[in-house]
PDB file of all heavy atoms in Angstrom:
ATOM      1  N   ALA A   1      -0.557   5.236   0.337  1.00  0.00           N
ATOM      2  CA  ALA A   1      -1.930   5.186   0.849  1.00  0.00           C
ATOM      3  C   ALA A   1      -2.727   6.300   0.184  1.00  0.00           C
ATOM      4  O   ALA A   1      -2.174   7.338  -0.206  1.00  0.00           O
ATOM      5  CB  ALA A   1      -1.948   5.349   2.362  1.00  0.00           C
ATOM      6  N   SER A   2      -4.031   6.106   0.103  1.00  0.00           N
ATOM      7  CA  SER A   2      -4.843   7.059  -0.665  1.00  0.00           C
ATOM      8  C   SER A   2      -6.233   7.221  -0.059  1.00  0.00           C
ATOM      9  O   SER A   2      -6.690   6.419   0.755  1.00  0.00           O
ATOM     10  CB  SER A   2      -4.961   6.590  -2.114  1.00  0.00           C
ATOM     11  OG  SER A   2      -5.902   7.352  -2.839  1.00  0.00           O
ATOM     12  N   ARG A   3      -6.894   8.276  -0.520  1.00  0.00           N
ATOM     13  CA  ARG A   3      -8.297   8.496  -0.147  1.00  0.00           C
ATOM     14  C   ARG A   3      -9.228   7.491  -0.823  1.00  0.00           C
ATOM     15  O   ARG A   3     -10.428   7.460  -0.527  1.00  0.00           O
ATOM     16  CB  ARG A   3      -8.712   9.929  -0.507  1.00  0.00           C
ATOM     17  CG  ARG A   3      -7.977  10.998   0.296  1.00  0.00           C
ATOM     18  CD  ARG A   3      -8.534  12.374   0.025  1.00  0.00           C
ATOM     19  NE  ARG A   3      -7.800  13.399   0.759  1.00  0.00           N
ATOM     20  CZ  ARG A   3      -8.005  13.700   2.029  1.00  0.00           C
ATOM     21  NH1 ARG A   3      -8.952  13.066   2.705  1.00  0.00           N
ATOM     22  NH2 ARG A   3      -7.299  14.627   2.616  1.00  0.00           N
ATOM     23  N   ASP A   4      -8.685   6.665  -1.706  1.00  0.00           N
ATOM     24  CA  ASP A   4      -9.512   5.629  -2.331  1.00  0.00           C
ATOM     25  C   ASP A   4      -9.645   4.395  -1.445  1.00  0.00           C
ATOM     26  O   ASP A   4     -10.145   3.367  -1.884  1.00  0.00           O
ATOM     27  CB  ASP A   4      -8.960   5.246  -3.711  1.00  0.00           C
ATOM     28  CG  ASP A   4      -7.557   4.649  -3.640  1.00  0.00           C
ATOM     29  OD1 ASP A   4      -7.079   4.349  -2.525  1.00  0.00           O
ATOM     30  OD2 ASP A   4      -6.930   4.490  -4.702  1.00  0.00           O
ATOM     31  N   ARG A   5      -9.139   4.511  -0.173  1.00  0.00           N
ATOM     32  CA  ARG A   5      -9.266   3.471   0.854  1.00  0.00           C
ATOM     33  C   ARG A   5      -8.323   2.292   0.629  1.00  0.00           C
ATOM     34  O   ARG A   5      -8.462   1.239   1.254  1.00  0.00           O
ATOM     35  CB  ARG A   5     -10.713   2.969   0.959  1.00  0.00           C
ATOM     36  CG  ARG A   5     -11.717   4.060   1.277  1.00  0.00           C
ATOM     37  CD  ARG A   5     -13.140   3.547   1.221  1.00  0.00           C
ATOM     38  NE  ARG A   5     -13.515   3.209  -0.158  1.00  0.00           N
ATOM     39  CZ  ARG A   5     -14.689   2.689  -0.503  1.00  0.00           C
ATOM     40  NH1 ARG A   5     -15.596   2.436   0.427  1.00  0.00           N
ATOM     41  NH2 ARG A   5     -14.959   2.419  -1.754  1.00  0.00           N
ATOM     42  N   LYS A   6      -7.338   2.468  -0.224  1.00  0.00           N
ATOM     43  CA  LYS A   6      -6.405   1.382  -0.536  1.00  0.00           C
ATOM     44  C   LYS A   6      -4.959   1.783  -0.241  1.00  0.00           C
ATOM     45  O   LYS A   6      -4.621   2.963  -0.210  1.00  0.00           O
ATOM     46  CB  LYS A   6      -6.513   0.990  -2.013  1.00  0.00           C
ATOM     47  CG  LYS A   6      -7.867   0.453  -2.445  1.00  0.00           C
ATOM     48  CD  LYS A   6      -7.835   0.078  -3.913  1.00  0.00           C
ATOM     49  CE  LYS A   6      -9.191  -0.445  -4.382  1.00  0.00           C
ATOM     50  NZ  LYS A   6     -10.225   0.602  -4.358  1.00  0.00           N
ATOM     51  N   VAL A   7      -4.130   0.757  -0.039  1.00  0.00           N
ATOM     52  CA  VAL A   7      -2.679   0.921   0.047  1.00  0.00           C
ATOM     53  C   VAL A   7      -2.069   0.039  -1.028  1.00  0.00           C
ATOM     54  O   VAL A   7      -2.433  -1.144  -1.155  1.00  0.00           O
ATOM     55  CB  VAL A   7      -2.135   0.523   1.439  1.00  0.00           C
ATOM     56  CG1 VAL A   7      -0.615   0.587   1.456  1.00  0.00           C
ATOM     57  CG2 VAL A   7      -2.714   1.433   2.519  1.00  0.00           C
ATOM     58  N   LEU A   8      -1.157   0.603  -1.799  1.00  0.00           N
ATOM     59  CA  LEU A   8      -0.500  -0.141  -2.872  1.00  0.00           C
ATOM     60  C   LEU A   8       0.990  -0.248  -2.593  1.00  0.00           C
ATOM     61  O   LEU A   8       1.600   0.678  -2.074  1.00  0.00           O
ATOM     62  CB  LEU A   8      -0.721   0.551  -4.227  1.00  0.00           C
ATOM     63  CG  LEU A   8      -2.177   0.771  -4.661  1.00  0.00           C
ATOM     64  CD1 LEU A   8      -2.217   1.431  -6.026  1.00  0.00           C
ATOM     65  CD2 LEU A   8      -2.969  -0.529  -4.654  1.00  0.00           C
ATOM     66  N   MET A   9       1.543  -1.391  -2.925  1.00  0.00           N
ATOM     67  CA  MET A   9       2.973  -1.639  -2.762  1.00  0.00           C
ATOM     68  C   MET A   9       3.643  -1.596  -4.129  1.00  0.00           C
ATOM     69  O   MET A   9       3.141  -2.179  -5.096  1.00  0.00           O
ATOM     70  CB  MET A   9       3.193  -3.004  -2.102  1.00  0.00           C
ATOM     71  CG  MET A   9       4.641  -3.389  -1.915  1.00  0.00           C
ATOM     72  SD  MET A   9       4.778  -5.009  -1.084  1.00  0.00           S
ATOM     73  CE  MET A   9       6.555  -5.268  -1.194  1.00  0.00           C
ATOM     74  N   TRP A  10       4.781  -0.892  -4.202  1.00  0.00           N
ATOM     75  CA  TRP A  10       5.474  -0.703  -5.465  1.00  0.00           C
ATOM     76  C   TRP A  10       6.918  -1.168  -5.366  1.00  0.00           C
ATOM     77  O   TRP A  10       7.503  -1.156  -4.286  1.00  0.00           O
ATOM     78  CB  TRP A  10       5.457   0.769  -5.880  1.00  0.00           C
ATOM     79  CG  TRP A  10       4.119   1.408  -5.869  1.00  0.00           C
ATOM     80  CD1 TRP A  10       3.537   2.081  -4.838  1.00  0.00           C
ATOM     81  CD2 TRP A  10       3.171   1.435  -6.940  1.00  0.00           C
ATOM     82  NE1 TRP A  10       2.287   2.539  -5.185  1.00  0.00           N
ATOM     83  CE2 TRP A  10       2.035   2.162  -6.478  1.00  0.00           C
ATOM     84  CE3 TRP A  10       3.162   0.940  -8.242  1.00  0.00           C
ATOM     85  CZ2 TRP A  10       0.917   2.387  -7.278  1.00  0.00           C
ATOM     86  CZ3 TRP A  10       2.047   1.168  -9.039  1.00  0.00           C
ATOM     87  CH2 TRP A  10       0.944   1.879  -8.556  1.00  0.00           C
ATOM     88  N   ASP A  11       7.463  -1.560  -6.499  1.00  0.00           N
ATOM     89  CA  ASP A  11       8.878  -1.922  -6.599  1.00  0.00           C
ATOM     90  C   ASP A  11       9.518  -0.995  -7.627  1.00  0.00           C
ATOM     91  O   ASP A  11       9.045  -0.916  -8.764  1.00  0.00           O
ATOM     92  CB  ASP A  11       9.053  -3.384  -7.014  1.00  0.00           C
ATOM     93  CG  ASP A  11      10.490  -3.859  -6.868  1.00  0.00           C
ATOM     94  OD1 ASP A  11      11.400  -3.182  -7.393  1.00  0.00           O
ATOM     95  OD2 ASP A  11      10.720  -4.902  -6.226  1.00  0.00           O
ATOM     96  N   LEU A  12      10.575  -0.312  -7.215  1.00  0.00           N
ATOM     97  CA  LEU A  12      11.197   0.687  -8.089  1.00  0.00           C
ATOM     98  C   LEU A  12      11.605   0.099  -9.432  1.00  0.00           C
ATOM     99  O   LEU A  12      11.477   0.749 -10.471  1.00  0.00           O
ATOM    100  CB  LEU A  12      12.412   1.302  -7.386  1.00  0.00           C
ATOM    101  CG  LEU A  12      13.146   2.399  -8.157  1.00  0.00           C
ATOM    102  CD1 LEU A  12      12.230   3.596  -8.385  1.00  0.00           C
ATOM    103  CD2 LEU A  12      14.406   2.827  -7.407  1.00  0.00           C
ATOM    104  N   HIS A  13      12.107  -1.136  -9.431  1.00  0.00           N
ATOM    105  CA  HIS A  13      12.584  -1.749 -10.666  1.00  0.00           C
ATOM    106  C   HIS A  13      11.644  -2.845 -11.166  1.00  0.00           C
ATOM    107  O   HIS A  13      12.013  -3.618 -12.057  1.00  0.00           O
ATOM    108  CB  HIS A  13      13.984  -2.331 -10.457  1.00  0.00           C
ATOM    109  CG  HIS A  13      14.998  -1.308 -10.038  1.00  0.00           C
ATOM    110  ND1 HIS A  13      15.190  -0.132 -10.730  1.00  0.00           N
ATOM    111  CD2 HIS A  13      15.846  -1.273  -8.972  1.00  0.00           C
ATOM    112  CE1 HIS A  13      16.134   0.584 -10.135  1.00  0.00           C
ATOM    113  NE2 HIS A  13      16.534  -0.079  -9.065  1.00  0.00           N
ATOM    114  N   GLY A  14      10.442  -2.899 -10.580  1.00  0.00           N
ATOM    115  CA  GLY A  14       9.494  -3.935 -10.974  1.00  0.00           C
ATOM    116  C   GLY A  14       8.508  -3.451 -12.015  1.00  0.00           C
ATOM    117  O   GLY A  14       8.753  -2.504 -12.767  1.00  0.00           O
ATOM    118  N   SER A  15       7.360  -4.094 -12.016  1.00  0.00           N
ATOM    119  CA  SER A  15       6.314  -3.786 -12.989  1.00  0.00           C
ATOM    120  C   SER A  15       5.732  -2.401 -12.725  1.00  0.00           C
ATOM    121  O   SER A  15       5.849  -1.840 -11.637  1.00  0.00           O
ATOM    122  CB  SER A  15       5.219  -4.855 -12.897  1.00  0.00           C
ATOM    123  OG  SER A  15       4.066  -4.456 -13.584  1.00  0.00           O
ATOM    124  N   SER A  16       5.063  -1.872 -13.739  1.00  0.00           N
ATOM    125  CA  SER A  16       4.376  -0.597 -13.574  1.00  0.00           C
ATOM    126  C   SER A  16       3.106  -0.768 -12.760  1.00  0.00           C
ATOM    127  O   SER A  16       2.488   0.209 -12.340  1.00  0.00           O
ATOM    128  CB  SER A  16       4.033   0.002 -14.946  1.00  0.00           C
ATOM    129  OG  SER A  16       3.194  -0.883 -15.679  1.00  0.00           O
ATOM    130  N   GLN A  17       2.707  -2.012 -12.524  1.00  0.00           N
ATOM    131  CA  GLN A  17       1.548  -2.325 -11.705  1.00  0.00           C
ATOM    132  C   GLN A  17       1.977  -2.588 -10.257  1.00  0.00           C
ATOM    133  O   GLN A  17       3.111  -2.990 -10.002  1.00  0.00           O
ATOM    134  CB  GLN A  17       0.811  -3.552 -12.257  1.00  0.00           C
ATOM    135  CG  GLN A  17       0.260  -3.362 -13.653  1.00  0.00           C
ATOM    136  CD  GLN A  17      -0.759  -2.235 -13.705  1.00  0.00           C
ATOM    137  OE1 GLN A  17      -1.657  -2.147 -12.869  1.00  0.00           O
ATOM    138  NE2 GLN A  17      -0.621  -1.362 -14.698  1.00  0.00           N
ATOM    139  N   PRO A  18       1.091  -2.357  -9.289  1.00  0.00           N
ATOM    140  CA  PRO A  18       1.444  -2.614  -7.884  1.00  0.00           C
ATOM    141  C   PRO A  18       1.823  -4.072  -7.671  1.00  0.00           C
ATOM    142  O   PRO A  18       1.203  -4.978  -8.239  1.00  0.00           O
ATOM    143  CB  PRO A  18       0.154  -2.262  -7.136  1.00  0.00           C
ATOM    144  CG  PRO A  18      -0.612  -1.373  -8.057  1.00  0.00           C
ATOM    145  CD  PRO A  18      -0.281  -1.827  -9.442  1.00  0.00           C
ATOM    146  N   SER A  19       2.841  -4.305  -6.849  1.00  0.00           N
ATOM    147  CA  SER A  19       3.247  -5.674  -6.549  1.00  0.00           C
ATOM    148  C   SER A  19       2.370  -6.301  -5.477  1.00  0.00           C
ATOM    149  O   SER A  19       2.382  -7.523  -5.299  1.00  0.00           O
ATOM    150  CB  SER A  19       4.713  -5.703  -6.105  1.00  0.00           C
ATOM    151  OG  SER A  19       4.927  -4.833  -5.006  1.00  0.00           O
ATOM    152  N   GLN A  20       1.601  -5.453  -4.750  1.00  0.00           N
ATOM    153  CA  GLN A  20       0.661  -5.951  -3.754  1.00  0.00           C
ATOM    154  C   GLN A  20      -0.401  -4.893  -3.494  1.00  0.00           C
ATOM    155  O   GLN A  20      -0.118  -3.693  -3.574  1.00  0.00           O
ATOM    156  CB  GLN A  20       1.379  -6.302  -2.455  1.00  0.00           C
ATOM    157  CG  GLN A  20       0.602  -7.183  -1.494  1.00  0.00           C
ATOM    158  CD  GLN A  20       0.293  -8.555  -2.039  1.00  0.00           C
ATOM    159  OE1 GLN A  20      -0.751  -8.732  -2.691  1.00  0.00           O
ATOM    160  NE2 GLN A  20       1.185  -9.509  -1.805  1.00  0.00           N
ATOM    161  N   ARG A  21      -1.610  -5.334  -3.168  1.00  0.00           N
ATOM    162  CA  ARG A  21      -2.700  -4.415  -2.868  1.00  0.00           C
ATOM    163  C   ARG A  21      -3.266  -4.757  -1.489  1.00  0.00           C
ATOM    164  O   ARG A  21      -3.458  -5.931  -1.164  1.00  0.00           O
ATOM    165  CB  ARG A  21      -3.813  -4.514  -3.920  1.00  0.00           C
ATOM    166  CG  ARG A  21      -3.368  -4.130  -5.323  1.00  0.00           C
ATOM    167  CD  ARG A  21      -4.478  -4.413  -6.332  1.00  0.00           C
ATOM    168  NE  ARG A  21      -4.046  -4.125  -7.700  1.00  0.00           N
ATOM    169  CZ  ARG A  21      -4.230  -2.980  -8.320  1.00  0.00           C
ATOM    170  NH1 ARG A  21      -4.854  -1.986  -7.683  1.00  0.00           N
ATOM    171  NH2 ARG A  21      -3.810  -2.787  -9.555  1.00  0.00           N
ATOM    172  N   PHE A  22      -3.566  -3.711  -0.715  1.00  0.00           N
ATOM    173  CA  PHE A  22      -4.119  -3.893   0.623  1.00  0.00           C
ATOM    174  C   PHE A  22      -5.415  -3.087   0.708  1.00  0.00           C
ATOM    175  O   PHE A  22      -5.385  -1.859   0.737  1.00  0.00           O
ATOM    176  CB  PHE A  22      -3.125  -3.426   1.684  1.00  0.00           C
ATOM    177  CG  PHE A  22      -1.749  -4.033   1.533  1.00  0.00           C
ATOM    178  CD1 PHE A  22      -0.788  -3.426   0.725  1.00  0.00           C
ATOM    179  CD2 PHE A  22      -1.421  -5.210   2.186  1.00  0.00           C
ATOM    180  CE1 PHE A  22       0.481  -3.979   0.585  1.00  0.00           C
ATOM    181  CE2 PHE A  22      -0.156  -5.777   2.047  1.00  0.00           C
ATOM    182  CZ  PHE A  22       0.793  -5.162   1.242  1.00  0.00           C
ATOM    183  N   SER A  23      -6.532  -3.783   0.741  1.00  0.00           N
ATOM    184  CA  SER A  23      -7.832  -3.132   0.740  1.00  0.00           C
ATOM    185  C   SER A  23      -8.684  -3.694   1.869  1.00  0.00           C
ATOM    186  O   SER A  23      -8.937  -4.902   1.913  1.00  0.00           O
ATOM    187  CB  SER A  23      -8.532  -3.354  -0.612  1.00  0.00           C
ATOM    188  OG  SER A  23      -9.798  -2.748  -0.631  1.00  0.00           O
ATOM    189  N   GLY A  24      -9.125  -2.806   2.799  1.00  0.00           N
ATOM    190  CA  GLY A  24      -9.907  -3.284   3.925  1.00  0.00           C
ATOM    191  C   GLY A  24     -10.519  -2.176   4.754  1.00  0.00           C
ATOM    192  O   GLY A  24     -11.339  -2.437   5.638  1.00  0.00           O
ATOM    193  N   HIS A  25     -10.124  -0.939   4.492  1.00  0.00           N
ATOM    194  CA  HIS A  25     -10.657   0.196   5.242  1.00  0.00           C
ATOM    195  C   HIS A  25     -11.942   0.721   4.595  1.00  0.00           C
ATOM    196  O   HIS A  25     -12.135   0.607   3.380  1.00  0.00           O
ATOM    197  CB  HIS A  25      -9.622   1.321   5.321  1.00  0.00           C
ATOM    198  CG  HIS A  25      -8.510   1.025   6.277  1.00  0.00           C
ATOM    199  ND1 HIS A  25      -8.681   1.022   7.644  1.00  0.00           N
ATOM    200  CD2 HIS A  25      -7.195   0.733   6.056  1.00  0.00           C
ATOM    201  CE1 HIS A  25      -7.530   0.753   8.239  1.00  0.00           C
ATOM    202  NE2 HIS A  25      -6.614   0.552   7.307  1.00  0.00           N
ATOM    203  N   ALA A  26     -12.792   1.315   5.434  1.00  0.00           N
ATOM    204  CA  ALA A  26     -14.069   1.847   4.950  1.00  0.00           C
ATOM    205  C   ALA A  26     -13.977   3.318   4.569  1.00  0.00           C
ATOM    206  O   ALA A  26     -14.886   3.843   3.928  1.00  0.00           O
ATOM    207  CB  ALA A  26     -15.154   1.665   6.015  1.00  0.00           C
ATOM    208  N   MET A  27     -12.872   3.978   4.960  1.00  0.00           N
ATOM    209  CA  MET A  27     -12.678   5.387   4.643  1.00  0.00           C
ATOM    210  C   MET A  27     -11.227   5.615   4.219  1.00  0.00           C
ATOM    211  O   MET A  27     -10.437   4.668   4.120  1.00  0.00           O
ATOM    212  CB  MET A  27     -13.054   6.262   5.845  1.00  0.00           C
ATOM    213  CG  MET A  27     -14.510   6.150   6.284  1.00  0.00           C
ATOM    214  SD  MET A  27     -14.944   7.246   7.660  1.00  0.00           S
ATOM    215  CE  MET A  27     -14.849   8.846   6.829  1.00  0.00           C
ATOM    216  N   ALA A  28     -10.880   6.864   3.987  1.00  0.00           N
ATOM    217  CA  ALA A  28      -9.539   7.206   3.510  1.00  0.00           C
ATOM    218  C   ALA A  28      -8.464   6.664   4.446  1.00  0.00           C
ATOM    219  O   ALA A  28      -8.586   6.736   5.676  1.00  0.00           O
ATOM    220  CB  ALA A  28      -9.400   8.718   3.393  1.00  0.00           C
ATOM    221  N   VAL A  29      -7.400   6.116   3.862  1.00  0.00           N
ATOM    222  CA  VAL A  29      -6.259   5.627   4.644  1.00  0.00           C
ATOM    223  C   VAL A  29      -5.356   6.812   4.950  1.00  0.00           C
ATOM    224  O   VAL A  29      -4.875   7.491   4.042  1.00  0.00           O
ATOM    225  CB  VAL A  29      -5.481   4.544   3.879  1.00  0.00           C
ATOM    226  CG1 VAL A  29      -4.328   4.024   4.731  1.00  0.00           C
ATOM    227  CG2 VAL A  29      -6.402   3.405   3.477  1.00  0.00           C
ATOM    228  N   THR A  30      -5.138   7.064   6.237  1.00  0.00           N
ATOM    229  CA  THR A  30      -4.391   8.256   6.657  1.00  0.00           C
ATOM    230  C   THR A  30      -3.148   7.926   7.470  1.00  0.00           C
ATOM    231  O   THR A  30      -2.512   8.812   8.014  1.00  0.00           O
ATOM    232  CB  THR A  30      -5.306   9.171   7.487  1.00  0.00           C
ATOM    233  OG1 THR A  30      -5.966   8.390   8.498  1.00  0.00           O
ATOM    234  CG2 THR A  30      -6.354   9.824   6.597  1.00  0.00           C
ATOM    235  N   GLY A  31      -2.804   6.640   7.534  1.00  0.00           N
ATOM    236  CA  GLY A  31      -1.587   6.241   8.226  1.00  0.00           C
ATOM    237  C   GLY A  31      -1.072   4.938   7.659  1.00  0.00           C
ATOM    238  O   GLY A  31      -1.849   4.019   7.361  1.00  0.00           O
ATOM    239  N   VAL A  32       0.237   4.837   7.479  1.00  0.00           N
ATOM    240  CA  VAL A  32       0.848   3.602   6.985  1.00  0.00           C
ATOM    241  C   VAL A  32       2.266   3.505   7.530  1.00  0.00           C
ATOM    242  O   VAL A  32       3.015   4.483   7.516  1.00  0.00           O
ATOM    243  CB  VAL A  32       0.831   3.548   5.435  1.00  0.00           C
ATOM    244  CG1 VAL A  32       1.553   4.746   4.832  1.00  0.00           C
ATOM    245  CG2 VAL A  32       1.436   2.244   4.927  1.00  0.00           C
ATOM    246  N   ALA A  33       2.607   2.322   8.065  1.00  0.00           N
ATOM    247  CA  ALA A  33       3.948   2.096   8.622  1.00  0.00           C
ATOM    248  C   ALA A  33       4.345   0.655   8.339  1.00  0.00           C
ATOM    249  O   ALA A  33       3.528  -0.260   8.475  1.00  0.00           O
ATOM    250  CB  ALA A  33       3.959   2.378  10.120  1.00  0.00           C
ATOM    251  N   VAL A  34       5.603   0.467   7.964  1.00  0.00           N
ATOM    252  CA  VAL A  34       6.104  -0.862   7.646  1.00  0.00           C
ATOM    253  C   VAL A  34       7.055  -1.313   8.747  1.00  0.00           C
ATOM    254  O   VAL A  34       7.810  -0.513   9.299  1.00  0.00           O
ATOM    255  CB  VAL A  34       6.803  -0.871   6.266  1.00  0.00           C
ATOM    256  CG1 VAL A  34       7.974   0.109   6.229  1.00  0.00           C
ATOM    257  CG2 VAL A  34       7.264  -2.276   5.887  1.00  0.00           C
ATOM    258  N   SER A  35       7.003  -2.601   9.107  1.00  0.00           N
ATOM    259  CA  SER A  35       7.829  -3.131  10.183  1.00  0.00           C
ATOM    260  C   SER A  35       9.305  -3.115   9.788  1.00  0.00           C
ATOM    261  O   SER A  35       9.644  -3.091   8.602  1.00  0.00           O
ATOM    262  CB  SER A  35       7.402  -4.565  10.517  1.00  0.00           C
ATOM    263  OG  SER A  35       7.604  -5.417   9.404  1.00  0.00           O
ATOM    264  N   PRO A  36      10.206  -3.137  10.775  1.00  0.00           N
ATOM    265  CA  PRO A  36      11.653  -3.088  10.478  1.00  0.00           C
ATOM    266  C   PRO A  36      12.127  -4.219   9.565  1.00  0.00           C
ATOM    267  O   PRO A  36      13.066  -4.041   8.794  1.00  0.00           O
ATOM    268  CB  PRO A  36      12.293  -3.179  11.866  1.00  0.00           C
ATOM    269  CG  PRO A  36      11.274  -2.595  12.784  1.00  0.00           C
ATOM    270  CD  PRO A  36       9.947  -3.041  12.225  1.00  0.00           C
ATOM    271  N   ASP A  37      11.479  -5.405   9.657  1.00  0.00           N
ATOM    272  CA  ASP A  37      11.886  -6.522   8.801  1.00  0.00           C
ATOM    273  C   ASP A  37      11.107  -6.577   7.494  1.00  0.00           C
ATOM    274  O   ASP A  37      11.269  -7.520   6.701  1.00  0.00           O
ATOM    275  CB  ASP A  37      11.731  -7.846   9.552  1.00  0.00           C
ATOM    276  CG  ASP A  37      10.285  -8.136   9.963  1.00  0.00           C
ATOM    277  OD1 ASP A  37       9.395  -7.310   9.626  1.00  0.00           O
ATOM    278  OD2 ASP A  37      10.049  -9.157  10.621  1.00  0.00           O
ATOM    279  N   SER A  38      10.251  -5.584   7.273  1.00  0.00           N
ATOM    280  CA  SER A  38       9.457  -5.454   6.039  1.00  0.00           C
ATOM    281  C   SER A  38       8.441  -6.566   5.850  1.00  0.00           C
ATOM    282  O   SER A  38       7.859  -6.693   4.768  1.00  0.00           O
ATOM    283  CB  SER A  38      10.383  -5.398   4.803  1.00  0.00           C
ATOM    284  OG  SER A  38      11.361  -4.406   4.954  1.00  0.00           O
ATOM    285  N   ALA A  39       8.189  -7.353   6.892  1.00  0.00           N
ATOM    286  CA  ALA A  39       7.258  -8.471   6.764  1.00  0.00           C
ATOM    287  C   ALA A  39       5.820  -8.065   7.043  1.00  0.00           C
ATOM    288  O   ALA A  39       4.885  -8.731   6.580  1.00  0.00           O
ATOM    289  CB  ALA A  39       7.664  -9.597   7.705  1.00  0.00           C
TER     290      ALA A  39
END
């Protein structure tokens, strides 16, 4: 998560680009949590 208001998803062995982008906040993202099943 970043002050650019976005959350990016990465794969250690994947592409150098984010595998998913989450954009919807109007200000800096200051909290992020993933569910136990990763869904």
